Amino acid sequence: MAIGRLLTLREAAERTGFRESTWRAWILRRKVPYHKVGRSVRVAEADLERLIEQARIPARPSDVASASTNSKSTVRGDGRTDVRDSKEHAREIQDREP
């Protein structure tokens, strides 16, 4: 079983942009897998890459993203949310005007 390169917490922090103390807290709460040899704590490079990949949130498809910018969300009297596109909303307002 090949583990690959083991990173210090400082190296993991530099690669991810998170503070070393954040890595220590994650290890304390067992949110990330780690290796401990004596008093040294290390994170496998493969585990770090897996952690980053699992945290990835994909972008919305372009048709969904553009539709969401053209919609207006309102909360109805019964607490439910009503979502309409801006053209429909504009027509409703014009119909109400005398």
C-alpha atoms as a PDB file:
ATOM      1  CA  MET A   1       0.000   0.000   0.000  1.00  0.00           C
ATOM      2  CA  ALA A   2       1.681   3.167  -1.221  1.00  0.00           C
ATOM      3  CA  ILE A   3       0.772   6.258   0.772  1.00  0.00           C
ATOM      4  CA  GLY A   4       2.721   8.697  -1.343  1.00  0.00           C
ATOM      5  CA  ARG A   5       4.191  11.943  -0.064  1.00  0.00           C
ATOM      6  CA  LEU A   6       3.354  13.027   3.479  1.00  0.00           C
ATOM      7  CA  LEU A   7       2.981  16.767   4.059  1.00  0.00           C
ATOM      8  CA  THR A   8       3.566  18.694   7.247  1.00  0.00           C
ATOM      9  CA  LEU A   9       0.663  20.786   8.478  1.00  0.00           C
ATOM     10  CA  ARG A  10       2.557  23.898   7.400  1.00  0.00           C
ATOM     11  CA  GLU A  11       2.869  22.503   3.855  1.00  0.00           C
ATOM     12  CA  ALA A  12      -0.825  21.566   3.813  1.00  0.00           C
ATOM     13  CA  ALA A  13      -1.698  25.076   5.001  1.00  0.00           C
ATOM     14  CA  GLU A  14       0.449  26.694   2.306  1.00  0.00           C
ATOM     15  CA  ARG A  15      -1.108  24.561  -0.432  1.00  0.00           C
ATOM     16  CA  THR A  16      -4.703  25.190   0.593  1.00  0.00           C
ATOM     17  CA  GLY A  17      -4.600  28.706   1.992  1.00  0.00           C
ATOM     18  CA  PHE A  18      -6.043  27.563   5.325  1.00  0.00           C
ATOM     19  CA  ARG A  19      -4.128  28.344   8.497  1.00  0.00           C
ATOM     20  CA  GLU A  20      -2.054  25.683  10.182  1.00  0.00           C
ATOM     21  CA  SER A  21      -4.309  26.052  13.242  1.00  0.00           C
ATOM     22  CA  THR A  22      -7.310  25.165  11.058  1.00  0.00           C
ATOM     23  CA  TRP A  23      -5.569  21.963  10.008  1.00  0.00           C
ATOM     24  CA  ARG A  24      -4.804  21.179  13.656  1.00  0.00           C
ATOM     25  CA  ALA A  25      -8.469  21.728  14.582  1.00  0.00           C
ATOM     26  CA  TRP A  26      -9.632  19.482  11.715  1.00  0.00           C
ATOM     27  CA  ILE A  27      -7.253  16.761  12.865  1.00  0.00           C
ATOM     28  CA  LEU A  28      -8.392  17.126  16.478  1.00  0.00           C
ATOM     29  CA  ARG A  29     -12.024  16.723  15.335  1.00  0.00           C
ATOM     30  CA  ARG A  30     -10.990  13.947  12.907  1.00  0.00           C
ATOM     31  CA  LYS A  31     -12.381  15.781   9.882  1.00  0.00           C
ATOM     32  CA  VAL A  32      -9.323  14.854   7.819  1.00  0.00           C
ATOM     33  CA  PRO A  33      -7.304  11.637   7.762  1.00  0.00           C
ATOM     34  CA  TYR A  34      -3.759  11.955   9.077  1.00  0.00           C
ATOM     35  CA  HIS A  35      -0.665   9.994   9.973  1.00  0.00           C
ATOM     36  CA  LYS A  36       1.163  10.273  13.251  1.00  0.00           C
ATOM     37  CA  VAL A  37       4.706   9.009  13.560  1.00  0.00           C
ATOM     38  CA  GLY A  38       5.970   9.670  17.055  1.00  0.00           C
ATOM     39  CA  ARG A  39       5.002  13.275  17.719  1.00  0.00           C
ATOM     40  CA  SER A  40       4.949  14.259  14.050  1.00  0.00           C
ATOM     41  CA  VAL A  41       1.579  14.749  12.380  1.00  0.00           C
ATOM     42  CA  ARG A  42       1.413  14.450   8.600  1.00  0.00           C
ATOM     43  CA  VAL A  43      -1.291  14.589   5.941  1.00  0.00           C
ATOM     44  CA  ALA A  44      -1.002  12.425   2.844  1.00  0.00           C
ATOM     45  CA  GLU A  45      -0.859  14.440  -0.350  1.00  0.00           C
ATOM     46  CA  ALA A  46      -3.489  12.133  -1.894  1.00  0.00           C
ATOM     47  CA  ASP A  47      -5.844  12.753   1.054  1.00  0.00           C
ATOM     48  CA  LEU A  48      -5.382  16.501   0.670  1.00  0.00           C
ATOM     49  CA  GLU A  49      -6.223  16.321  -3.045  1.00  0.00           C
ATOM     50  CA  ARG A  50      -9.248  14.100  -2.302  1.00  0.00           C
ATOM     51  CA  LEU A  51     -10.454  16.580   0.332  1.00  0.00           C
ATOM     52  CA  ILE A  52     -10.228  19.436  -2.166  1.00  0.00           C
ATOM     53  CA  GLU A  53     -12.008  17.460  -4.887  1.00  0.00           C
ATOM     54  CA  GLN A  54     -14.843  16.406  -2.551  1.00  0.00           C
ATOM     55  CA  ALA A  55     -15.362  20.033  -1.512  1.00  0.00           C
ATOM     56  CA  ARG A  56     -15.744  21.144  -5.138  1.00  0.00           C
ATOM     57  CA  ILE A  57     -19.079  22.707  -6.004  1.00  0.00           C
ATOM     58  CA  PRO A  58     -19.688  22.732  -9.770  1.00  0.00           C
ATOM     59  CA  ALA A  59     -20.830  25.851 -11.593  1.00  0.00           C
ATOM     60  CA  ARG A  60     -24.427  26.128 -12.691  1.00  0.00           C
ATOM     61  CA  PRO A  61     -25.224  25.496 -16.338  1.00  0.00           C
ATOM     62  CA  SER A  62     -25.350  28.792 -18.219  1.00  0.00           C
ATOM     63  CA  ASP A  63     -29.106  28.561 -18.948  1.00  0.00           C
ATOM     64  CA  VAL A  64     -29.914  28.118 -15.240  1.00  0.00           C
ATOM     65  CA  ALA A  65     -27.583  30.931 -14.186  1.00  0.00           C
ATOM     66  CA  SER A  66     -29.127  33.395 -16.641  1.00  0.00           C
ATOM     67  CA  ALA A  67     -32.649  32.366 -15.672  1.00  0.00           C
ATOM     68  CA  SER A  68     -31.954  33.009 -12.017  1.00  0.00           C
ATOM     69  CA  THR A  69     -30.806  36.570 -12.735  1.00  0.00           C
ATOM     70  CA  ASN A  70     -34.048  37.316 -14.597  1.00  0.00           C
ATOM     71  CA  SER A  71     -36.352  36.095 -11.860  1.00  0.00           C
ATOM     72  CA  LYS A  72     -37.939  37.892  -8.970  1.00  0.00           C
ATOM     73  CA  SER A  73     -38.570  36.044  -5.743  1.00  0.00           C
ATOM     74  CA  THR A  74     -41.347  37.181  -3.429  1.00  0.00           C
ATOM     75  CA  VAL A  75     -42.698  35.696  -0.236  1.00  0.00           C
ATOM     76  CA  ARG A  76     -46.434  35.167  -0.375  1.00  0.00           C
ATOM     77  CA  GLY A  77     -48.843  35.663   2.502  1.00  0.00           C
ATOM     78  CA  ASP A  78     -48.833  31.945   3.294  1.00  0.00           C
ATOM     79  CA  GLY A  79     -45.039  31.960   3.684  1.00  0.00           C
ATOM     80  CA  ARG A  80     -44.266  30.169   0.415  1.00  0.00           C
ATOM     81  CA  THR A  81     -41.888  31.710  -2.092  1.00  0.00           C
ATOM     82  CA  ASP A  82     -43.199  32.707  -5.506  1.00  0.00           C
ATOM     83  CA  VAL A  83     -40.598  32.980  -8.280  1.00  0.00           C
ATOM     84  CA  ARG A  84     -41.491  34.735 -11.532  1.00  0.00           C
ATOM     85  CA  ASP A  85     -39.338  35.976 -14.359  1.00  0.00           C
ATOM     86  CA  SER A  86     -38.930  39.743 -14.685  1.00  0.00           C
ATOM     87  CA  LYS A  87     -40.969  40.026 -17.934  1.00  0.00           C
ATOM     88  CA  GLU A  88     -43.956  38.310 -16.353  1.00  0.00           C
ATOM     89  CA  HIS A  89     -43.625  40.561 -13.312  1.00  0.00           C
ATOM     90  CA  ALA A  90     -43.483  43.693 -15.508  1.00  0.00           C
ATOM     91  CA  ARG A  91     -46.641  42.612 -17.384  1.00  0.00           C
ATOM     92  CA  GLU A  92     -48.454  42.113 -14.079  1.00  0.00           C
ATOM     93  CA  ILE A  93     -47.525  45.605 -12.922  1.00  0.00           C
ATOM     94  CA  GLN A  94     -48.650  47.132 -16.249  1.00  0.00           C
ATOM     95  CA  ASP A  95     -51.997  45.307 -16.012  1.00  0.00           C
ATOM     96  CA  ARG A  96     -52.586  46.752 -12.529  1.00  0.00           C
ATOM     97  CA  GLU A  97     -51.888  50.363 -13.561  1.00  0.00           C
ATOM     98  CA  PRO A  98     -54.971  52.427 -14.547  1.00  0.00           C
END
